[in-house]
Amino acid sequence: MNQDAREEAIVLCGANAYEKKYYFNEKFAGMPDSVKEELHIICVLFTEEIGGVFTIEFEKDGSVNMRTEYAEDDFLYDEIGSGLLVNEVRMKRQELFESLSLYYRIFILHEDVGELLKDYE
């Protein structure tokens, strides 16, 4: 992903294995607590298993993207496992990510709810 595209993404949440910290963007504090808890679990478990830094982000169009990175000197980071786990999370949590995208498009981009729901029929 080029730097311009990176700057347009808005981080929803993330976890950092190096600092043992979790971050949630308070801009999205209106989300249901159950969703926030599920995101917390996904992020922390990812970094516990794989290492590095893991974030869930909204792209400019409202799509949800998972991103992982690691320190250059982190020889314990599982690069192959990270790709496999990202795919597994995307598959198992597809409904969650679709709901997050819908939330973003309605509450942040202020798109027409009626029009958006037609896409899901």
C-alpha atoms as a PDB file:
ATOM      1  CA  MET A   1       0.000   0.000   0.000  1.00  0.00           C
ATOM      2  CA  ASN A   2       1.471   3.350  -0.941  1.00  0.00           C
ATOM      3  CA  GLN A   3       1.952   6.123   1.621  1.00  0.00           C
ATOM      4  CA  ASP A   4      -0.914   8.272   0.264  1.00  0.00           C
ATOM      5  CA  ALA A   5      -3.389   5.412   0.668  1.00  0.00           C
ATOM      6  CA  ARG A   6      -2.050   4.756   4.189  1.00  0.00           C
ATOM      7  CA  GLU A   7      -2.701   8.352   5.187  1.00  0.00           C
ATOM      8  CA  GLU A   8      -6.328   8.118   4.041  1.00  0.00           C
ATOM      9  CA  ALA A   9      -7.065   5.077   6.218  1.00  0.00           C
ATOM     10  CA  ILE A  10      -8.542   5.689   9.669  1.00  0.00           C
ATOM     11  CA  VAL A  11      -7.481   3.284  12.394  1.00  0.00           C
ATOM     12  CA  LEU A  12     -10.421   1.797  14.259  1.00  0.00           C
ATOM     13  CA  CYS A  13      -8.391  -0.241  16.731  1.00  0.00           C
ATOM     14  CA  GLY A  14      -5.153  -2.084  17.135  1.00  0.00           C
ATOM     15  CA  ALA A  15      -2.800  -3.962  19.399  1.00  0.00           C
ATOM     16  CA  ASN A  16       0.945  -3.733  19.832  1.00  0.00           C
ATOM     17  CA  ALA A  17       2.814  -6.843  20.996  1.00  0.00           C
ATOM     18  CA  TYR A  18       5.951  -4.834  21.759  1.00  0.00           C
ATOM     19  CA  GLU A  19       4.295  -2.418  24.166  1.00  0.00           C
ATOM     20  CA  LYS A  20       1.534  -4.817  25.282  1.00  0.00           C
ATOM     21  CA  LYS A  21      -1.083  -2.156  24.528  1.00  0.00           C
ATOM     22  CA  TYR A  22      -4.489  -2.000  22.887  1.00  0.00           C
ATOM     23  CA  TYR A  23      -5.854   1.111  21.182  1.00  0.00           C
ATOM     24  CA  PHE A  24      -9.448   1.967  20.280  1.00  0.00           C
ATOM     25  CA  ASN A  25     -10.228   5.147  18.333  1.00  0.00           C
ATOM     26  CA  GLU A  26     -12.682   7.122  20.482  1.00  0.00           C
ATOM     27  CA  LYS A  27     -14.185   8.610  17.313  1.00  0.00           C
ATOM     28  CA  PHE A  28     -16.084   5.310  17.193  1.00  0.00           C
ATOM     29  CA  ALA A  29     -17.141   5.245  20.854  1.00  0.00           C
ATOM     30  CA  GLY A  30     -20.792   5.031  19.767  1.00  0.00           C
ATOM     31  CA  MET A  31     -20.359   1.434  18.634  1.00  0.00           C
ATOM     32  CA  PRO A  32     -22.051  -1.195  20.794  1.00  0.00           C
ATOM     33  CA  ASP A  33     -19.889  -2.453  23.657  1.00  0.00           C
ATOM     34  CA  SER A  34     -20.178  -6.033  22.392  1.00  0.00           C
ATOM     35  CA  VAL A  35     -18.586  -4.987  19.075  1.00  0.00           C
ATOM     36  CA  LYS A  36     -15.825  -3.070  20.869  1.00  0.00           C
ATOM     37  CA  GLU A  37     -15.103  -6.143  23.039  1.00  0.00           C
ATOM     38  CA  GLU A  38     -14.988  -8.430  20.003  1.00  0.00           C
ATOM     39  CA  LEU A  39     -12.539  -6.070  18.253  1.00  0.00           C
ATOM     40  CA  HIS A  40     -10.403  -5.960  21.399  1.00  0.00           C
ATOM     41  CA  ILE A  41     -10.262  -9.758  21.532  1.00  0.00           C
ATOM     42  CA  ILE A  42      -9.413 -10.078  17.819  1.00  0.00           C
ATOM     43  CA  CYS A  43      -6.553  -7.568  18.046  1.00  0.00           C
ATOM     44  CA  VAL A  44      -5.005  -8.873  21.254  1.00  0.00           C
ATOM     45  CA  LEU A  45      -5.226 -12.543  20.265  1.00  0.00           C
ATOM     46  CA  PHE A  46      -3.653 -11.727  16.898  1.00  0.00           C
ATOM     47  CA  THR A  47      -0.620 -10.056  18.453  1.00  0.00           C
ATOM     48  CA  GLU A  48      -0.328 -12.764  21.130  1.00  0.00           C
ATOM     49  CA  GLU A  49      -0.151 -15.453  18.456  1.00  0.00           C
ATOM     50  CA  ILE A  50       1.764 -13.645  15.678  1.00  0.00           C
ATOM     51  CA  GLY A  51       3.529 -10.696  17.324  1.00  0.00           C
ATOM     52  CA  GLY A  52       4.105  -7.259  15.846  1.00  0.00           C
ATOM     53  CA  VAL A  53       1.466  -4.564  15.496  1.00  0.00           C
ATOM     54  CA  PHE A  54      -2.027  -5.345  14.220  1.00  0.00           C
ATOM     55  CA  THR A  55      -4.632  -2.749  13.255  1.00  0.00           C
ATOM     56  CA  ILE A  56      -8.138  -2.764  11.865  1.00  0.00           C
ATOM     57  CA  GLU A  57      -8.718   0.276   9.675  1.00  0.00           C
ATOM     58  CA  PHE A  58     -11.382   1.929   7.583  1.00  0.00           C
ATOM     59  CA  GLU A  59     -10.397   2.840   4.035  1.00  0.00           C
ATOM     60  CA  LYS A  60     -11.664   6.062   2.480  1.00  0.00           C
ATOM     61  CA  ASP A  61     -14.576   4.208   0.827  1.00  0.00           C
ATOM     62  CA  GLY A  62     -15.645   2.594   4.117  1.00  0.00           C
ATOM     63  CA  SER A  63     -14.190  -0.838   3.489  1.00  0.00           C
ATOM     64  CA  VAL A  64     -12.465  -2.532   6.423  1.00  0.00           C
ATOM     65  CA  ASN A  65      -8.832  -3.550   6.187  1.00  0.00           C
ATOM     66  CA  MET A  66      -6.574  -5.470   8.560  1.00  0.00           C
ATOM     67  CA  ARG A  67      -2.955  -4.467   8.639  1.00  0.00           C
ATOM     68  CA  THR A  68       0.025  -6.006  10.349  1.00  0.00           C
ATOM     69  CA  GLU A  69       3.602  -4.814  10.621  1.00  0.00           C
ATOM     70  CA  TYR A  70       6.644  -5.682  12.653  1.00  0.00           C
ATOM     71  CA  ALA A  71       9.991  -4.338  13.746  1.00  0.00           C
ATOM     72  CA  GLU A  72      12.879  -5.074  11.416  1.00  0.00           C
ATOM     73  CA  ASP A  73      14.785  -6.856  14.180  1.00  0.00           C
ATOM     74  CA  ASP A  74      11.800  -8.959  15.323  1.00  0.00           C
ATOM     75  CA  PHE A  75      12.911 -12.456  14.370  1.00  0.00           C
ATOM     76  CA  LEU A  76      10.048 -14.074  16.288  1.00  0.00           C
ATOM     77  CA  TYR A  77       7.335 -12.420  14.160  1.00  0.00           C
ATOM     78  CA  ASP A  78       5.489 -15.056  12.141  1.00  0.00           C
ATOM     79  CA  GLU A  79       5.152 -13.481   8.692  1.00  0.00           C
ATOM     80  CA  ILE A  80       3.564 -16.530   7.054  1.00  0.00           C
ATOM     81  CA  GLY A  81       1.246 -17.069  10.010  1.00  0.00           C
ATOM     82  CA  SER A  82       0.161 -13.422   9.877  1.00  0.00           C
ATOM     83  CA  GLY A  83      -1.161 -13.775   6.337  1.00  0.00           C
ATOM     84  CA  LEU A  84      -2.936 -17.004   7.195  1.00  0.00           C
ATOM     85  CA  LEU A  85      -4.473 -15.553  10.357  1.00  0.00           C
ATOM     86  CA  VAL A  86      -5.623 -12.356   8.582  1.00  0.00           C
ATOM     87  CA  ASN A  87      -7.415 -14.558   6.020  1.00  0.00           C
ATOM     88  CA  GLU A  88      -8.933 -16.703   8.772  1.00  0.00           C
ATOM     89  CA  VAL A  89     -10.165 -13.661  10.723  1.00  0.00           C
ATOM     90  CA  ARG A  90     -11.623 -12.105   7.560  1.00  0.00           C
ATOM     91  CA  MET A  91     -13.458 -15.327   6.738  1.00  0.00           C
ATOM     92  CA  LYS A  92     -14.768 -16.042  10.254  1.00  0.00           C
ATOM     93  CA  ARG A  93     -15.667 -12.408  10.998  1.00  0.00           C
ATOM     94  CA  GLN A  94     -17.015 -11.458   7.561  1.00  0.00           C
ATOM     95  CA  GLU A  95     -20.378 -10.423   9.005  1.00  0.00           C
ATOM     96  CA  LEU A  96     -18.675  -8.224  11.619  1.00  0.00           C
ATOM     97  CA  PHE A  97     -16.571  -6.487   8.973  1.00  0.00           C
ATOM     98  CA  GLU A  98     -19.601  -5.934   6.729  1.00  0.00           C
ATOM     99  CA  SER A  99     -21.435  -4.393   9.705  1.00  0.00           C
ATOM    100  CA  LEU A 100     -18.445  -2.184  10.527  1.00  0.00           C
ATOM    101  CA  SER A 101     -18.302  -0.984   6.925  1.00  0.00           C
ATOM    102  CA  LEU A 102     -22.022  -0.203   6.993  1.00  0.00           C
ATOM    103  CA  TYR A 103     -21.612   1.647  10.309  1.00  0.00           C
ATOM    104  CA  TYR A 104     -18.779   3.753   8.862  1.00  0.00           C
ATOM    105  CA  ARG A 105     -20.643   4.551   5.655  1.00  0.00           C
ATOM    106  CA  ILE A 106     -23.763   5.630   7.568  1.00  0.00           C
ATOM    107  CA  PHE A 107     -22.342   7.454  10.599  1.00  0.00           C
ATOM    108  CA  ILE A 108     -19.062   8.814   9.227  1.00  0.00           C
ATOM    109  CA  LEU A 109     -19.608   9.222   5.477  1.00  0.00           C
ATOM    110  CA  HIS A 110     -23.330  10.019   5.969  1.00  0.00           C
ATOM    111  CA  GLU A 111     -24.425   7.883   3.031  1.00  0.00           C
ATOM    112  CA  ASP A 112     -28.148   7.232   2.476  1.00  0.00           C
ATOM    113  CA  VAL A 113     -29.237   4.290   4.639  1.00  0.00           C
ATOM    114  CA  GLY A 114     -31.972   3.264   2.192  1.00  0.00           C
ATOM    115  CA  GLU A 115     -29.546   3.105  -0.704  1.00  0.00           C
ATOM    116  CA  LEU A 116     -26.992   1.144   1.318  1.00  0.00           C
ATOM    117  CA  LEU A 117     -29.539  -1.426   2.456  1.00  0.00           C
ATOM    118  CA  LYS A 118     -30.550  -2.078  -1.164  1.00  0.00           C
ATOM    119  CA  ASP A 119     -27.008  -3.396  -1.703  1.00  0.00           C
ATOM    120  CA  TYR A 120     -27.548  -5.967   1.075  1.00  0.00           C
ATOM    121  CA  GLU A 121     -30.883  -7.310  -0.190  1.00  0.00           C
END
